[in-house]
Protein backbone atom coordinates (compact mmCIF):
# COMPACT_ATOMS: atom_id res chain seq x y z
CA MET A 1 -8.95 -37.92 -1.64
CA HIS A 2 -8.62 -41.37 -2.63
CA VAL A 3 -5.48 -42.37 -4.49
CA GLU A 4 -4.98 -45.80 -6.24
CA VAL A 5 -1.72 -46.47 -8.01
CA ALA A 6 0.58 -49.72 -8.50
CA VAL A 7 3.88 -48.87 -7.14
CA THR A 8 6.97 -50.56 -8.64
CA GLU A 9 10.77 -49.98 -8.16
CA LYS A 10 11.14 -49.27 -11.85
CA ALA A 11 8.09 -46.70 -11.88
CA SER A 12 8.89 -44.80 -8.57
CA ASN A 13 12.61 -44.15 -9.25
CA PHE A 14 13.66 -45.95 -6.24
CA SER A 15 17.34 -46.50 -5.33
CA PRO A 16 17.75 -49.10 -2.59
CA ILE A 17 21.41 -49.25 -1.04
CA SER A 18 23.24 -52.68 -1.27
CA VAL A 19 24.87 -52.63 2.12
CA ASN A 20 22.99 -52.98 5.35
CA ALA A 21 19.72 -52.05 3.66
CA ALA A 22 17.55 -53.35 6.35
CA GLN A 23 19.09 -50.85 9.09
CA LYS A 24 19.07 -47.85 6.81
CA ARG A 25 16.68 -44.86 6.43
CA VAL A 26 14.55 -43.56 3.84
CA ILE A 27 15.10 -40.32 1.97
CA PHE A 28 11.81 -38.78 -0.03
CA TRP A 29 13.05 -36.24 -2.74
CA THR A 30 11.18 -33.63 -4.85
CA ASN A 31 12.47 -30.88 -7.10
CA GLY A 32 10.57 -27.67 -7.13
CA GLY A 33 9.58 -25.36 -10.06
CA PRO A 34 6.89 -25.61 -9.15
CA GLY A 35 6.45 -28.22 -12.17
CA CYS A 36 10.13 -29.25 -12.27
CA SER A 37 10.74 -32.99 -12.31
CA SER A 38 12.79 -34.76 -9.59
CA SER A 39 14.84 -36.54 -12.44
CA LEU A 40 17.10 -33.54 -11.84
CA GLY A 41 17.81 -34.69 -8.45
CA LEU A 42 18.15 -38.12 -9.58
CA PHE A 43 20.48 -37.85 -12.65
CA MET A 44 22.22 -34.39 -11.79
CA GLU A 45 22.40 -34.12 -8.29
CA LEU A 46 21.97 -36.89 -5.73
CA GLY A 47 21.30 -40.04 -7.37
CA PRO A 48 23.32 -43.18 -7.77
CA CYS A 49 24.06 -41.98 -11.38
CA ARG A 50 24.65 -38.84 -12.97
CA VAL A 51 23.88 -37.95 -16.82
CA LEU A 52 26.27 -35.09 -17.36
CA ASP A 53 26.48 -35.45 -21.18
CA ASP A 54 24.95 -37.65 -24.21
CA ASP A 55 27.20 -40.55 -23.18
CA GLY A 56 24.60 -41.63 -20.72
CA PRO A 57 24.55 -42.52 -17.05
CA LYS A 58 27.77 -42.77 -15.09
CA PHE A 59 28.52 -43.70 -11.57
CA HIS A 60 28.13 -41.10 -8.80
CA PRO A 61 30.11 -41.49 -5.88
CA GLU A 62 28.84 -38.74 -3.66
CA SER A 63 25.12 -40.48 -4.03
CA TRP A 64 23.03 -40.12 -1.11
CA ASN A 65 22.27 -43.54 -1.24
CA THR A 66 25.87 -44.53 0.10
CA ASN A 67 23.81 -44.53 3.43
CA ALA A 68 20.16 -44.38 2.78
CA ASN A 69 17.67 -45.59 0.61
CA LEU A 70 16.10 -42.78 -1.83
CA PHE A 71 12.63 -42.34 -3.82
CA PHE A 72 12.31 -39.75 -6.22
CA ILE A 73 8.72 -38.33 -7.05
CA ASP A 74 7.33 -36.55 -9.68
CA GLN A 75 4.54 -34.34 -8.80
CA PRO A 76 2.38 -32.43 -8.81
CA ILE A 77 0.46 -34.26 -11.54
CA GLY A 78 1.73 -33.59 -14.87
CA VAL A 79 5.39 -33.23 -14.15
CA GLY A 80 7.92 -35.58 -15.82
CA PHE A 81 6.16 -39.07 -16.52
CA SER A 82 3.22 -38.39 -14.10
CA TYR A 83 -0.24 -37.91 -15.42
CA ALA A 84 -4.03 -38.02 -14.60
CA GLU A 85 -6.30 -40.23 -16.13
CA TYR A 86 -9.28 -38.09 -16.22
CA GLY A 87 -7.70 -34.71 -16.66
CA GLU A 88 -7.25 -33.70 -13.06
CA SER A 89 -5.01 -31.22 -12.15
CA VAL A 90 -3.19 -29.46 -9.21
CA SER A 91 -2.50 -25.91 -8.81
CA THR A 92 -1.84 -25.14 -4.93
CA THR A 93 0.69 -26.86 -2.55
CA GLU A 94 -2.45 -27.66 -0.40
CA GLU A 95 -3.79 -29.82 -3.08
CA ALA A 96 -0.26 -31.32 -3.94
CA ALA A 97 0.35 -32.36 -0.08
CA LYS A 98 -2.89 -34.48 -0.03
CA ASP A 99 -1.74 -36.46 -2.98
CA VAL A 100 1.85 -36.76 -1.86
CA ALA A 101 0.85 -38.06 1.76
CA ALA A 102 -1.64 -40.55 0.08
CA PHE A 103 1.49 -41.93 -2.28
CA VAL A 104 3.96 -42.05 0.70
CA ALA A 105 1.45 -44.41 2.60
CA ILE A 106 1.04 -46.11 -0.76
CA PHE A 107 4.99 -46.53 -1.16
CA PHE A 108 5.32 -48.10 2.32
CA GLU A 109 2.76 -50.51 2.08
CA ASN A 110 4.15 -51.67 -1.19
CA PHE A 111 7.48 -51.61 -0.17
CA SER A 112 6.75 -52.96 3.29
CA ARG A 113 10.40 -54.11 4.17
CA PHE A 114 11.14 -50.09 4.99
CA LYS A 115 7.84 -50.03 7.21
CA GLY A 116 9.09 -48.18 10.55
CA ARG A 117 12.30 -46.95 9.06
CA GLY A 118 13.43 -43.24 9.79
CA PHE A 119 11.63 -41.36 6.82
CA HIS A 120 13.29 -38.07 5.76
CA MET A 121 11.45 -35.78 3.55
CA ALA A 122 13.97 -33.59 1.38
CA GLY A 123 13.93 -31.17 -1.63
CA GLU A 124 14.95 -28.05 -3.13
CA SER A 125 13.84 -24.73 -4.24
CA TYR A 126 10.07 -24.62 -4.50
CA GLY A 127 10.55 -27.47 -2.30
CA GLY A 128 10.78 -24.79 0.51
CA ARG A 129 6.93 -24.16 -0.08
CA TYR A 130 6.22 -27.93 -0.78
CA LEU A 131 7.97 -29.84 1.90
CA PRO A 132 6.57 -28.22 5.16
CA LEU A 133 3.08 -28.58 4.07
CA PHE A 134 3.81 -32.42 2.46
CA ALA A 135 5.51 -33.48 5.99
CA SER A 136 2.82 -31.81 8.06
CA ALA A 137 0.02 -33.93 5.84
CA VAL A 138 2.11 -37.22 6.24
CA TYR A 139 2.41 -36.58 9.84
CA ASP A 140 -1.52 -35.84 10.17
CA GLN A 141 -2.25 -38.60 8.29
CA ASN A 142 -0.62 -41.26 10.54
CA SER A 143 -3.52 -41.13 12.84
CA ALA A 144 -5.78 -42.37 10.20
CA LEU A 145 -3.31 -45.11 9.37
CA ILE A 146 -3.11 -46.44 12.80
CA GLU A 147 -6.91 -46.70 13.09
CA ALA A 148 -6.88 -48.81 10.13
CA GLY A 149 -4.42 -50.75 11.47
CA ILE A 150 -1.48 -49.85 9.15
CA THR A 151 1.84 -48.90 10.30
CA PRO A 152 2.35 -45.24 10.79
CA ILE A 153 4.99 -43.21 8.79
CA ASN A 154 8.38 -42.50 11.07
CA LEU A 155 8.36 -39.03 9.78
CA THR A 156 11.86 -38.21 11.35
CA SER A 157 13.07 -35.10 9.63
CA VAL A 158 12.61 -32.57 6.83
CA MET A 159 15.54 -31.15 4.57
CA ILE A 160 14.96 -27.89 2.42
CA GLY A 161 17.89 -26.92 0.52
CA ASN A 162 17.89 -23.33 -1.18
CA GLY A 163 13.91 -23.27 -0.32
CA MET A 164 11.36 -20.52 -1.13
CA THR A 165 9.67 -20.90 2.03
CA ASP A 166 8.71 -17.42 2.91
CA PHE A 167 8.26 -15.12 -0.01
CA TYR A 168 8.10 -11.97 1.81
CA THR A 169 11.67 -12.28 3.45
CA MET A 170 13.06 -13.71 0.53
CA VAL A 171 12.17 -10.80 -1.99
CA THR A 172 13.16 -8.23 0.53
CA SER A 173 16.92 -9.81 1.15
CA TYR A 174 17.56 -9.49 -2.79
CA TYR A 175 19.00 -6.02 -2.05
CA ASP A 176 21.49 -7.68 0.47
CA MET A 177 22.44 -10.26 -2.60
CA THR A 178 22.91 -7.66 -5.11
CA CYS A 179 24.10 -4.43 -3.40
CA THR A 180 26.24 -5.66 -0.39
CA ALA A 181 29.03 -8.27 -0.15
CA ALA A 182 27.03 -10.93 1.28
CA SER A 183 28.40 -13.59 -0.91
CA VAL A 184 30.15 -11.85 -3.52
CA ASP A 185 30.96 -8.37 -4.61
CA PRO A 186 28.02 -6.00 -5.23
CA ILE A 187 26.84 -6.83 -8.86
CA LEU A 188 24.44 -4.06 -9.87
CA ASP A 189 25.63 -0.67 -10.22
CA ILE A 190 25.60 2.40 -7.58
CA GLY A 191 22.84 4.03 -9.15
CA SER A 192 20.59 0.94 -9.35
CA CYS A 193 21.43 -0.17 -5.73
CA VAL A 194 20.54 3.45 -4.30
CA THR A 195 17.22 3.31 -6.41
CA MET A 196 16.64 -0.20 -4.98
CA LYS A 197 17.31 0.42 -1.48
CA LYS A 198 14.85 3.28 -1.47
CA VAL A 199 12.10 1.20 -2.62
CA ILE A 200 12.76 -1.30 -0.10
CA PRO A 201 10.23 0.16 2.99
CA ARG A 202 7.41 0.85 0.40
CA CYS A 203 7.90 -2.86 -0.75
CA GLN A 204 8.06 -4.24 2.74
CA LYS A 205 5.06 -2.37 3.81
CA TRP A 206 2.93 -3.46 0.85
CA LEU A 207 3.98 -6.76 1.05
CA ARG A 208 3.36 -6.92 4.88
CA GLU A 209 -0.30 -5.44 4.49
CA SER A 210 -1.42 -7.41 1.37
CA CYS A 211 0.35 -10.85 1.67
CA VAL A 212 0.98 -11.56 5.41
CA ASP A 213 -1.11 -9.30 8.02
CA GLN A 214 -4.42 -9.96 5.78
CA TYR A 215 -4.01 -11.78 2.38
CA ASP A 216 -5.44 -9.77 -0.28
CA THR A 217 -5.09 -11.61 -3.72
CA ILE A 218 -5.00 -8.25 -5.76
CA ASN A 219 -2.97 -6.30 -3.92
CA CYS A 220 -0.49 -9.01 -2.92
CA GLY A 221 -0.12 -9.81 -6.66
CA ALA A 222 0.28 -6.15 -7.48
CA ALA A 223 3.01 -5.94 -4.65
CA SER A 224 4.90 -8.80 -5.55
CA ASN A 225 5.28 -7.36 -9.11
CA PHE A 226 6.20 -4.00 -7.65
CA CYS A 227 9.17 -5.56 -5.54
CA MET A 228 10.30 -7.89 -8.24
CA ASN A 229 9.97 -6.32 -11.66
CA PRO A 230 12.37 -3.31 -11.14
CA TYR A 231 15.22 -5.46 -10.20
CA ASP A 232 15.44 -8.09 -13.16
CA ILE A 233 19.03 -8.95 -12.17
CA SER A 234 20.99 -10.99 -14.93
CA VAL A 235 24.09 -13.02 -14.35
CA PRO A 236 26.03 -15.24 -16.69
CA CYS A 237 23.84 -17.95 -17.70
CA ASN A 238 24.99 -21.05 -19.48
CA GLY A 239 21.89 -21.67 -21.96
CA SER A 240 18.28 -20.10 -21.44
CA ILE A 241 16.67 -20.22 -18.21
CA GLU A 242 13.34 -21.66 -19.59
CA GLU A 243 15.13 -24.77 -21.40
CA THR A 244 18.31 -25.27 -19.02
CA LEU A 245 17.63 -23.49 -15.85
CA CYS A 246 21.12 -22.21 -16.66
CA TYR A 247 22.50 -25.85 -16.28
CA PRO A 248 22.96 -27.23 -19.73
CA VAL A 249 23.03 -30.75 -18.35
CA THR A 250 19.46 -30.77 -17.89
CA VAL A 251 19.19 -31.13 -21.66
CA SER A 252 21.13 -34.48 -21.69
CA ILE A 253 18.91 -35.52 -18.87
CA SER A 254 15.93 -34.82 -21.10
CA ASN A 255 17.55 -36.34 -24.36
CA PHE A 256 18.34 -39.69 -22.06
CA LEU A 257 14.66 -39.78 -20.77
CA SER A 258 13.18 -39.27 -24.16
CA GLN A 259 14.77 -42.52 -25.65
CA PRO A 260 12.21 -45.33 -26.06
CA PRO A 261 14.50 -48.22 -24.40
CA ILE A 262 15.16 -46.01 -21.59
CA ARG A 263 11.32 -45.42 -20.70
CA ALA A 264 10.85 -49.01 -21.46
CA GLN A 265 13.42 -49.64 -18.46
CA LEU A 266 12.18 -47.30 -16.06
CA GLY A 267 8.44 -48.70 -17.00
CA VAL A 268 6.94 -45.43 -18.09
CA ASP A 269 3.41 -45.51 -19.11
CA THR A 270 2.44 -45.18 -22.70
CA HIS A 271 -0.74 -43.56 -21.87
CA ALA A 272 -1.62 -40.50 -24.19
CA GLU A 273 -0.93 -37.97 -21.37
CA VAL A 274 2.21 -38.86 -21.04
CA PRO A 275 4.69 -36.69 -23.32
CA VAL A 276 6.94 -38.46 -26.09
CA ASN A 277 9.74 -35.99 -25.43
CA PHE A 278 10.75 -35.64 -21.84
CA SER A 279 10.88 -32.20 -20.44
CA SER A 280 12.54 -31.47 -16.97
CA CYS A 281 9.97 -28.67 -16.40
CA ASN A 282 6.21 -28.57 -17.22
CA SER A 283 5.17 -24.97 -17.80
CA ASN A 284 1.61 -25.70 -17.53
CA VAL A 285 1.89 -27.04 -13.91
CA GLY A 286 3.72 -23.87 -13.42
CA ALA A 287 1.37 -21.52 -14.58
CA ALA A 288 -1.57 -23.13 -12.61
CA PHE A 289 0.51 -22.50 -9.58
CA ASP A 290 0.99 -19.07 -10.78
CA GLY A 291 -2.48 -18.34 -11.11
CA THR A 292 -3.37 -19.30 -7.82
CA GLN A 293 -0.29 -17.15 -6.54
CA ASP A 294 0.52 -20.03 -4.42
CA ILE A 295 4.36 -18.82 -3.98
CA LEU A 296 2.74 -15.81 -1.88
CA HIS A 297 1.65 -17.95 0.84
CA SER A 298 4.05 -18.79 3.36
CA SER A 299 4.95 -22.08 4.56
CA GLN A 300 7.03 -21.16 7.66
CA ASP A 301 4.03 -21.83 10.21
CA TYR A 302 4.36 -25.45 9.37
CA VAL A 303 7.98 -25.44 9.93
CA ALA A 304 7.21 -24.31 13.74
CA ALA A 305 4.29 -26.58 13.73
CA LEU A 306 6.51 -29.72 12.72
CA LEU A 307 9.31 -28.32 15.30
CA GLU A 308 6.75 -28.50 18.07
CA ARG A 309 6.05 -31.73 17.35
CA GLY A 310 9.56 -33.30 17.43
CA VAL A 311 10.23 -33.39 13.70
CA ARG A 312 13.81 -32.05 13.01
CA VAL A 313 14.08 -29.66 9.99
CA LEU A 314 17.15 -28.85 8.37
CA ILE A 315 17.69 -25.41 6.41
CA TYR A 316 20.69 -25.39 3.67
CA VAL A 317 21.42 -22.88 1.25
CA GLY A 318 24.12 -22.32 -1.11
CA SER A 319 25.92 -19.48 -0.50
CA TYR A 320 26.09 -18.10 -4.16
CA ASP A 321 22.27 -18.64 -4.95
CA TRP A 322 20.17 -15.40 -5.20
CA ILE A 323 16.58 -16.57 -6.21
CA CYS A 324 16.38 -18.46 -2.81
CA ASN A 325 19.51 -16.93 -1.19
CA TRP A 326 21.00 -17.57 2.12
CA VAL A 327 20.36 -14.09 3.60
CA GLY A 328 16.51 -14.70 3.31
CA ASN A 329 16.46 -18.15 4.72
CA GLU A 330 18.69 -17.38 7.66
CA ARG A 331 16.39 -14.17 8.39
CA TRP A 332 13.10 -16.13 8.22
CA SER A 333 14.43 -19.19 10.15
CA ARG A 334 16.12 -16.94 12.81
CA GLU A 335 12.60 -15.01 13.33
CA LEU A 336 10.52 -18.11 13.12
CA GLU A 337 8.08 -18.21 16.15
CA TRP A 338 8.64 -21.25 17.89
CA SER A 339 9.25 -22.69 21.61
CA GLY A 340 12.95 -22.75 20.78
CA GLN A 341 13.23 -19.21 19.01
CA GLU A 342 14.92 -17.38 21.59
CA GLU A 343 17.78 -20.15 21.73
CA PHE A 344 18.01 -20.31 18.03
CA ALA A 345 18.32 -16.58 17.32
CA SER A 346 20.78 -16.23 20.19
CA GLN A 347 23.36 -18.58 18.78
CA GLU A 348 26.26 -16.81 16.61
CA LEU A 349 26.91 -18.43 13.04
CA ARG A 350 29.75 -20.60 13.33
CA GLU A 351 32.00 -22.33 10.65
CA TRP A 352 31.45 -26.08 9.64
CA THR A 353 33.92 -28.04 7.88
CA VAL A 354 34.25 -30.96 5.78
CA ALA A 355 37.87 -32.69 5.69
CA GLY A 356 39.29 -29.57 7.77
CA LYS A 357 38.30 -26.84 5.31
CA LYS A 358 35.45 -24.41 5.96
CA ALA A 359 32.04 -25.68 4.29
CA GLY A 360 29.88 -22.75 5.23
CA ILE A 361 28.09 -21.53 8.23
CA THR A 362 25.59 -22.74 10.50
CA ARG A 363 23.63 -22.44 13.48
CA SER A 364 21.31 -24.72 15.45
CA ALA A 365 18.95 -25.21 18.80
CA ARG A 366 17.43 -27.89 20.96
CA GLY A 367 20.21 -30.22 20.26
CA GLY A 368 19.77 -30.00 16.30
CA LEU A 369 16.16 -30.12 16.42
CA PHE A 370 16.20 -27.15 13.86
CA THR A 371 19.46 -26.23 12.18
CA PHE A 372 20.31 -23.76 9.50
CA ALA A 373 23.62 -24.15 7.21
CA THR A 374 25.02 -22.37 4.19
CA VAL A 375 27.21 -24.27 1.81
CA GLN A 376 30.16 -22.27 0.72
CA GLY A 377 30.73 -22.10 -2.84
CA ALA A 378 27.62 -23.62 -4.12
CA GLY A 379 24.81 -22.12 -6.29
CA HIS A 380 21.07 -23.14 -6.45
CA MET A 381 21.36 -26.97 -6.80
CA VAL A 382 24.09 -27.56 -3.84
CA PRO A 383 24.12 -31.38 -4.40
CA TYR A 384 25.14 -30.72 -7.69
CA ASP A 385 27.73 -27.82 -7.03
CA LYS A 386 29.23 -29.19 -4.25
CA PRO A 387 28.66 -33.05 -3.88
CA LYS A 388 31.08 -33.71 -1.40
CA GLU A 389 29.88 -31.09 1.09
CA ALA A 390 26.19 -32.15 0.42
CA LEU A 391 26.98 -35.65 1.28
CA ALA A 392 28.75 -34.80 4.49
CA LEU A 393 26.06 -32.34 5.24
CA VAL A 394 23.20 -34.95 4.96
CA GLN A 395 25.16 -38.11 6.57
CA ARG A 396 25.99 -36.02 9.64
CA TRP A 397 22.24 -34.70 9.60
CA ILE A 398 20.68 -38.30 9.40
CA ALA A 399 23.29 -39.27 12.18
CA ARG A 400 22.34 -36.47 14.39
CA GLU A 401 25.66 -35.38 14.62
CA GLU A 402 26.62 -31.88 15.07
CA LEU A 403 28.00 -30.21 11.60
């Protein structure tokens, strides 16, 4: 697939650091959804400025650009300010991966001073499905870049926060998160939990047969509905999920990015396909991915393949998240089939600390090649909920230090 774009520091939401930039790594960030803009990561979580209210951006001392160069990408096509000139659309992670790999190559060609730097691909939520495929596409693309006389991408690591990497293990972990004290006291009544526990074996069997052992579009879709619909668990949410993702600050970000002067500063195109009013998430993109049942396809085999090629992988999870919870992520990472599985699975979970205080629990193998960690007290968006701990986590990871 040929991608031809003009990349500028305005258009790509690129945040270079000011100190020793020549020696620093580059971090790629994407939010999830599918269909949600990385403006959430930029202005809410880990960017150099935060937009927390209608007063505009404020300096963010725990930004990840304190020791790395960041760029944030809106993808797939139609997310945020991105658009297609001829009405093209993307409805699977595999399709999106081709565009992302092409964009990454173009980015480094345009910002040639960053060629050869350690490149870390990071994201959260549906990024757990995205990133293993995106990183694999970038890795595989290197052979073509070398053949064309272009400097290959120095893919160093993948960082997945609160990821939906394996639907099967995530769905079957919801009982643990709602009916046991995995993070907080059980939040469902006893009767509901007893009913839920009785259904789990059937749920696991149906998902395994229709979604894992042999993928069947109709039966896998029916199995996922059976396993999720009866347990529509409500927790206190500030604002509607559809409009705010339970984080009202997203409204302030949307208002900020809808202002014409701000859009002009960012170099936002005035193409007819670009909406006048910015939206944090594009429901049409989400619906397109739902239509292909993209979420039901596991990305864990791509994680294993990256590990076998020496690409480091960090799985981190906020302990209070439910939808992409730590129990499910701990389970699939421990059971992942790769050459270091025995060593990884045999490691006991241990505490990791920040400033002498417990920040979560972790395990790793092969000298930190594969690491799992929780961030205590954080929800779905770890850098927003626990910025100091998130920064310490990424700083140690990039420096190859033990948590």
